[in-house]
């Protein structure tokens, strides 16, 4: 019935998230990623593995230290939330190591009463180590937010508007008979209704 997704430009590696809600109230969330690729195609498959080993936070022991045969970690976090045991929300993000923080922030806002669009369009903050990134657009007093973050982090990286950097959350939500979908404009998200 409703789908929310982002399409990648042709010829570029990317991460894409799709959330779907069907007429029977079923939901699905899938995040697919090829990142920049690893430069190798698995023989006989046509499949190019991702470059997961190049993401610093997935390699706490350092690069080139991942043991052979161990499942690769990932930031990919397609999420389905339940309300009284029934699917109520499907969401996920494309956005590298910002995936966890943005999916958590949107889910938190929805659970605490925000509309789906309001939760997705809210200004974003992402912290790593002693650095923090923020979108200034959308805050009542962005200067005060930036100063407060500056008191907590060694480096503050502000973006004047909503930014591609923070990933795009694409989501569908059902509440009784009402259904909605939101595609995040930060990464070209779109909504489609399929009969």
Protein backbone atom coordinates (compact mmCIF):
# COMPACT_ATOMS: atom_id res chain seq x y z
CA UNK A 1 0.00 0.00 0.00
CA UNK A 2 2.61 2.57 1.03
CA UNK A 3 6.34 2.49 0.52
CA UNK A 4 9.10 4.87 1.49
CA UNK A 5 12.50 4.60 -0.14
CA UNK A 6 15.51 6.31 -1.64
CA UNK A 7 16.94 5.61 -5.07
CA UNK A 8 20.68 5.90 -5.72
CA UNK A 9 22.11 7.73 -8.70
CA UNK A 10 23.16 5.26 -11.42
CA UNK A 11 26.73 4.03 -11.22
CA UNK A 12 27.35 5.01 -7.59
CA UNK A 13 27.78 2.80 -4.52
CA UNK A 14 25.11 3.48 -1.99
CA UNK A 15 23.03 2.38 0.93
CA UNK A 16 19.27 2.37 0.38
CA UNK A 17 16.48 1.79 2.87
CA UNK A 18 12.95 0.73 1.95
CA UNK A 19 9.99 0.56 4.35
CA UNK A 20 6.74 -1.03 3.15
CA UNK A 21 3.22 -1.31 4.55
CA UNK A 22 0.69 -3.60 2.87
CA UNK A 23 -3.12 -3.52 2.77
CA UNK A 24 -3.32 -6.22 5.46
CA UNK A 25 -1.25 -4.18 7.93
CA UNK A 26 1.98 -6.07 7.39
CA UNK A 27 5.20 -4.07 7.39
CA UNK A 28 8.72 -4.71 6.21
CA UNK A 29 11.97 -2.78 6.50
CA UNK A 30 15.11 -3.58 4.52
CA UNK A 31 18.41 -1.74 4.25
CA UNK A 32 20.62 -2.69 1.32
CA UNK A 33 24.17 -1.50 1.04
CA UNK A 34 27.06 -1.58 -1.35
CA UNK A 35 28.83 1.45 0.05
CA UNK A 36 31.81 2.13 -2.13
CA UNK A 37 32.30 -1.60 -2.69
CA UNK A 38 35.48 -3.53 -2.02
CA UNK A 39 36.69 -3.71 -5.63
CA UNK A 40 36.15 -7.47 -5.89
CA UNK A 41 33.29 -9.45 -7.44
CA UNK A 42 32.70 -12.90 -5.92
CA UNK A 43 33.38 -15.32 -8.82
CA UNK A 44 30.26 -16.73 -10.43
CA UNK A 45 27.86 -14.49 -8.49
CA UNK A 46 28.08 -11.00 -9.93
CA UNK A 47 28.00 -9.79 -6.31
CA UNK A 48 30.45 -7.15 -5.08
CA UNK A 49 30.82 -7.27 -1.27
CA UNK A 50 30.68 -4.02 0.66
CA UNK A 51 33.66 -2.32 2.27
CA UNK A 52 32.53 -2.90 5.89
CA UNK A 53 36.11 -3.36 7.00
CA UNK A 54 36.78 0.29 6.17
CA UNK A 55 34.43 1.69 8.83
CA UNK A 56 36.40 2.67 11.90
CA UNK A 57 33.68 2.11 14.49
CA UNK A 58 33.08 -1.44 13.21
CA UNK A 59 36.74 -2.25 13.82
CA UNK A 60 37.45 -1.45 17.48
CA UNK A 61 40.69 -3.48 17.37
CA UNK A 62 41.95 -1.47 14.38
CA UNK A 63 41.98 -2.06 10.66
CA UNK A 64 43.14 -5.41 9.27
CA UNK A 65 42.55 -7.09 12.65
CA UNK A 66 39.19 -8.74 11.89
CA UNK A 67 39.57 -12.52 12.30
CA UNK A 68 38.77 -14.67 9.25
CA UNK A 69 35.45 -16.51 9.55
CA UNK A 70 33.91 -14.07 12.03
CA UNK A 71 30.64 -12.47 10.93
CA UNK A 72 31.16 -8.90 9.78
CA UNK A 73 29.54 -6.24 11.96
CA UNK A 74 27.31 -3.64 10.35
CA UNK A 75 25.52 -0.38 11.05
CA UNK A 76 22.53 -1.50 9.00
CA UNK A 77 19.51 -1.34 11.31
CA UNK A 78 16.16 -1.91 9.58
CA UNK A 79 13.63 -1.64 12.39
CA UNK A 80 10.01 -2.71 12.91
CA UNK A 81 8.26 -1.42 16.03
CA UNK A 82 5.21 -3.13 17.48
CA UNK A 83 2.18 -1.67 19.25
CA UNK A 84 0.40 -4.27 21.40
CA UNK A 85 2.03 -7.03 19.37
CA UNK A 86 1.08 -5.67 15.95
CA UNK A 87 3.43 -3.94 13.48
CA UNK A 88 3.02 -0.18 13.79
CA UNK A 89 6.16 1.37 12.34
CA UNK A 90 8.89 0.33 9.91
CA UNK A 91 11.94 2.52 9.49
CA UNK A 92 15.60 2.54 8.65
CA UNK A 93 18.32 4.74 7.23
CA UNK A 94 21.10 5.01 4.74
CA UNK A 95 23.88 6.96 6.35
CA UNK A 96 27.01 5.04 7.35
CA UNK A 97 27.84 5.30 11.05
CA UNK A 98 24.98 7.78 11.57
CA UNK A 99 22.44 4.98 11.02
CA UNK A 100 22.17 3.91 14.67
CA UNK A 101 21.88 7.41 16.08
CA UNK A 102 19.28 8.61 13.57
CA UNK A 103 17.09 5.49 13.72
CA UNK A 104 17.16 5.71 17.52
CA UNK A 105 16.34 9.43 17.50
CA UNK A 106 13.39 9.06 15.10
CA UNK A 107 12.01 6.05 16.99
CA UNK A 108 12.33 7.94 20.29
CA UNK A 109 10.46 10.96 18.92
CA UNK A 110 7.61 8.86 17.47
CA UNK A 111 7.23 6.87 20.71
CA UNK A 112 6.99 10.18 22.58
CA UNK A 113 4.21 11.53 20.37
CA UNK A 114 5.84 13.23 17.38
CA UNK A 115 4.29 12.79 13.96
CA UNK A 116 6.32 10.61 11.61
CA UNK A 117 7.16 13.61 9.44
CA UNK A 118 8.04 15.72 12.46
CA UNK A 119 10.33 13.02 13.85
CA UNK A 120 12.15 12.60 10.53
CA UNK A 121 12.48 16.32 9.81
CA UNK A 122 13.66 17.24 13.33
CA UNK A 123 17.20 18.64 13.49
CA UNK A 124 19.88 16.00 13.97
CA UNK A 125 22.90 15.65 16.22
CA UNK A 126 25.52 12.91 15.92
CA UNK A 127 28.44 12.39 18.31
CA UNK A 128 31.58 10.30 17.87
CA UNK A 129 34.38 10.46 20.38
CA UNK A 130 35.12 14.10 21.11
CA UNK A 131 33.44 15.37 17.92
CA UNK A 132 29.79 16.27 17.38
CA UNK A 133 27.92 17.20 14.19
CA UNK A 134 24.63 19.08 14.16
CA UNK A 135 22.05 20.57 11.86
CA UNK A 136 21.37 24.17 12.88
CA UNK A 137 18.09 24.39 10.95
CA UNK A 138 15.02 23.63 13.03
CA UNK A 139 16.25 24.60 16.50
CA UNK A 140 14.52 27.46 18.31
CA UNK A 141 17.96 28.88 19.24
CA UNK A 142 20.66 27.16 17.15
CA UNK A 143 23.42 29.35 18.62
CA UNK A 144 22.55 28.18 22.14
CA UNK A 145 22.51 24.53 20.99
CA UNK A 146 25.89 24.93 19.31
CA UNK A 147 27.37 26.62 22.41
CA UNK A 148 26.03 23.87 24.70
CA UNK A 149 27.52 21.18 22.48
CA UNK A 150 30.79 23.12 22.41
CA UNK A 151 30.92 22.81 26.20
CA UNK A 152 30.68 19.02 25.92
CA UNK A 153 32.78 18.22 22.85
CA UNK A 154 36.24 19.26 21.63
CA UNK A 155 35.02 19.87 18.07
CA UNK A 156 31.58 20.98 16.87
CA UNK A 157 30.78 20.60 13.17
CA UNK A 158 27.65 22.60 12.31
CA UNK A 159 25.64 22.29 9.10
CA UNK A 160 23.46 25.34 8.33
CA UNK A 161 20.56 23.27 6.95
CA UNK A 162 19.34 19.69 6.87
CA UNK A 163 22.25 17.72 5.46
CA UNK A 164 22.97 14.60 3.41
CA UNK A 165 25.65 13.74 6.01
CA UNK A 166 23.05 12.62 8.54
CA UNK A 167 21.50 9.94 6.34
CA UNK A 168 17.91 9.64 5.29
CA UNK A 169 15.24 7.91 7.37
CA UNK A 170 12.50 6.35 5.27
CA UNK A 171 9.53 5.07 7.22
CA UNK A 172 5.93 3.90 7.17
CA UNK A 173 3.54 3.99 10.10
CA UNK A 174 0.09 2.57 10.71
CA UNK A 175 -2.24 3.64 13.51
CA UNK A 176 -5.60 1.89 13.26
CA UNK A 177 -6.99 2.76 9.83
CA UNK A 178 -4.56 5.66 9.29
CA UNK A 179 -1.31 4.99 7.41
CA UNK A 180 1.47 7.39 6.52
CA UNK A 181 4.86 7.22 4.83
CA UNK A 182 7.73 9.70 4.80
CA UNK A 183 10.80 9.72 2.56
CA UNK A 184 13.62 11.84 4.00
CA UNK A 185 14.60 14.67 1.63
CA UNK A 186 18.14 14.69 3.07
CA UNK A 187 18.94 11.83 0.71
CA UNK A 188 16.23 12.07 -1.90
CA UNK A 189 13.66 9.90 -0.10
CA UNK A 190 10.34 9.31 -1.85
CA UNK A 191 6.90 7.86 -1.09
CA UNK A 192 4.88 5.68 -3.47
CA UNK A 193 1.38 4.27 -3.14
CA UNK A 194 0.99 1.03 -5.09
CA UNK A 195 -2.47 -0.40 -5.76
